[in-house]
Amino acid sequence: MSIVPTEGPEAAVLLPHWLSEEDRELLAVVVRAAVEEPGVHPVAAVHLADVLTELHVAAARDAVWPGPAARVRRVTGWADDVLPVRLSAAELDSVLGLAALPAALRATLGGRRP
């Protein structure tokens, strides 16, 4: 049985953020550096670690099931390296709270939030 997040069931929803390979690599570098900071809040560290996991899962998902992302890329005209990175609201908030997050990547992630 899953535990419902304290923010409510909508906090557990994972939303796709379509990121290029360059964006995913940059996000991984920034998040990894934040997790290694000695002053990072423990809860934020957990969310950021989940973001790193999802970056790996996104690539694995595309390797095993390439069809769904390929259809979206074909319809939208996006490049072949664009993949969905699924983040919860808490994970996204943790990433957007990083001062080192580049403005362009912040805009990309922030613009996809409902």
Protein backbone atom coordinates (compact mmCIF):
# COMPACT_ATOMS: atom_id res chain seq x y z
CA MET A 1 0.00 0.00 0.00
CA SER A 2 1.29 3.47 -0.87
CA ILE A 3 1.26 6.34 1.55
CA VAL A 4 -0.58 9.43 0.34
CA PRO A 5 1.73 12.46 0.45
CA THR A 6 0.89 15.03 3.11
CA GLU A 7 0.27 17.59 0.36
CA GLY A 8 -2.57 15.43 -0.98
CA PRO A 9 -2.84 12.85 -3.76
CA GLU A 10 -2.07 15.42 -6.49
CA ALA A 11 1.47 15.74 -5.09
CA ALA A 12 2.15 12.14 -6.15
CA VAL A 13 1.34 12.85 -9.81
CA LEU A 14 4.36 12.68 -12.08
CA LEU A 15 4.30 15.20 -14.91
CA PRO A 16 6.50 14.79 -17.98
CA HIS A 17 9.01 17.53 -18.72
CA TRP A 18 10.36 17.04 -22.22
CA LEU A 19 14.09 17.68 -22.07
CA SER A 20 16.86 17.42 -24.63
CA GLU A 21 19.94 15.34 -23.92
CA GLU A 22 21.88 18.54 -23.20
CA ASP A 23 19.20 19.70 -20.73
CA ARG A 24 19.17 16.30 -19.00
CA GLU A 25 22.95 16.28 -18.67
CA LEU A 26 22.98 19.83 -17.30
CA LEU A 27 20.18 19.00 -14.87
CA ALA A 28 22.11 15.95 -13.65
CA VAL A 29 25.26 18.02 -13.05
CA VAL A 30 23.38 20.73 -11.13
CA VAL A 31 21.34 18.27 -9.06
CA ARG A 32 24.34 16.06 -8.30
CA ALA A 33 26.29 19.11 -7.06
CA ALA A 34 23.35 20.16 -4.88
CA VAL A 35 23.01 16.70 -3.33
CA GLU A 36 26.72 16.73 -2.46
CA GLU A 37 26.44 20.10 -0.67
CA PRO A 38 26.87 19.62 3.09
CA GLY A 39 24.06 22.05 3.94
CA VAL A 40 21.36 20.54 1.74
CA HIS A 41 18.12 19.87 3.62
CA PRO A 42 17.57 16.11 4.06
CA VAL A 43 14.09 16.18 2.50
CA ALA A 44 15.36 18.18 -0.48
CA ALA A 45 18.24 15.70 -0.82
CA VAL A 46 15.76 12.83 -1.10
CA HIS A 47 13.73 14.65 -3.76
CA LEU A 48 16.87 15.57 -5.69
CA ALA A 49 18.12 11.97 -5.52
CA ASP A 50 14.76 10.93 -6.97
CA VAL A 51 15.33 13.39 -9.84
CA LEU A 52 18.69 11.75 -10.58
CA THR A 53 17.00 8.35 -10.56
CA GLU A 54 14.30 9.58 -12.96
CA LEU A 55 16.94 10.89 -15.36
CA HIS A 56 18.32 7.34 -15.59
CA VAL A 57 14.84 5.83 -15.79
CA ALA A 58 13.88 8.17 -18.65
CA ALA A 59 16.78 6.93 -20.76
CA ALA A 60 16.08 3.30 -19.87
CA ARG A 61 12.37 3.71 -20.60
CA ASP A 62 13.18 5.05 -24.06
CA ALA A 63 15.61 2.19 -24.73
CA VAL A 64 13.01 -0.44 -23.80
CA TRP A 65 9.87 1.30 -25.14
CA PRO A 66 10.99 3.82 -27.78
CA GLY A 67 7.61 4.08 -29.49
CA PRO A 68 5.65 6.44 -27.21
CA ALA A 69 8.32 9.15 -27.01
CA ALA A 70 9.07 8.79 -30.72
CA ARG A 71 5.42 9.42 -31.57
CA VAL A 72 5.35 12.58 -29.46
CA ARG A 73 8.60 13.81 -31.01
CA ARG A 74 7.29 13.11 -34.51
CA VAL A 75 4.05 15.04 -33.89
CA THR A 76 5.74 17.99 -32.17
CA GLY A 77 8.77 18.16 -34.44
CA TRP A 78 11.15 17.85 -31.49
CA ALA A 79 14.66 16.46 -31.94
CA ASP A 80 15.36 12.75 -31.51
CA ASP A 81 17.17 13.32 -28.20
CA VAL A 82 14.14 14.83 -26.41
CA LEU A 83 12.75 12.53 -23.69
CA PRO A 84 10.09 12.87 -20.99
CA VAL A 85 11.52 13.25 -17.49
CA ARG A 86 8.65 12.61 -15.08
CA LEU A 87 8.79 14.69 -11.91
CA SER A 88 6.47 15.10 -8.95
CA ALA A 89 5.58 18.57 -7.69
CA ALA A 90 7.96 18.12 -4.74
CA GLU A 91 10.81 17.03 -7.00
CA LEU A 92 10.19 19.94 -9.35
CA ASP A 93 10.04 22.40 -6.45
CA SER A 94 13.35 21.06 -5.14
CA VAL A 95 14.98 21.52 -8.55
CA LEU A 96 13.51 24.98 -9.10
CA GLY A 97 14.76 25.95 -5.64
CA LEU A 98 18.38 25.42 -6.67
CA ALA A 99 20.22 28.72 -7.09
CA ALA A 100 22.69 27.10 -9.51
CA LEU A 101 19.96 26.06 -11.96
CA PRO A 102 20.59 27.93 -15.24
CA ALA A 103 17.85 30.36 -16.28
CA ALA A 104 17.09 28.59 -19.57
CA LEU A 105 16.62 25.23 -17.86
CA ARG A 106 14.58 26.87 -15.10
CA ALA A 107 12.29 28.36 -17.76
CA THR A 108 11.95 25.02 -19.53
CA LEU A 109 11.03 23.20 -16.33
CA GLY A 110 8.89 25.98 -14.91
CA GLY A 111 6.96 26.48 -18.13
CA ARG A 112 5.68 22.92 -18.17
CA ARG A 113 3.96 23.07 -14.82
CA PRO A 114 0.13 23.19 -14.87
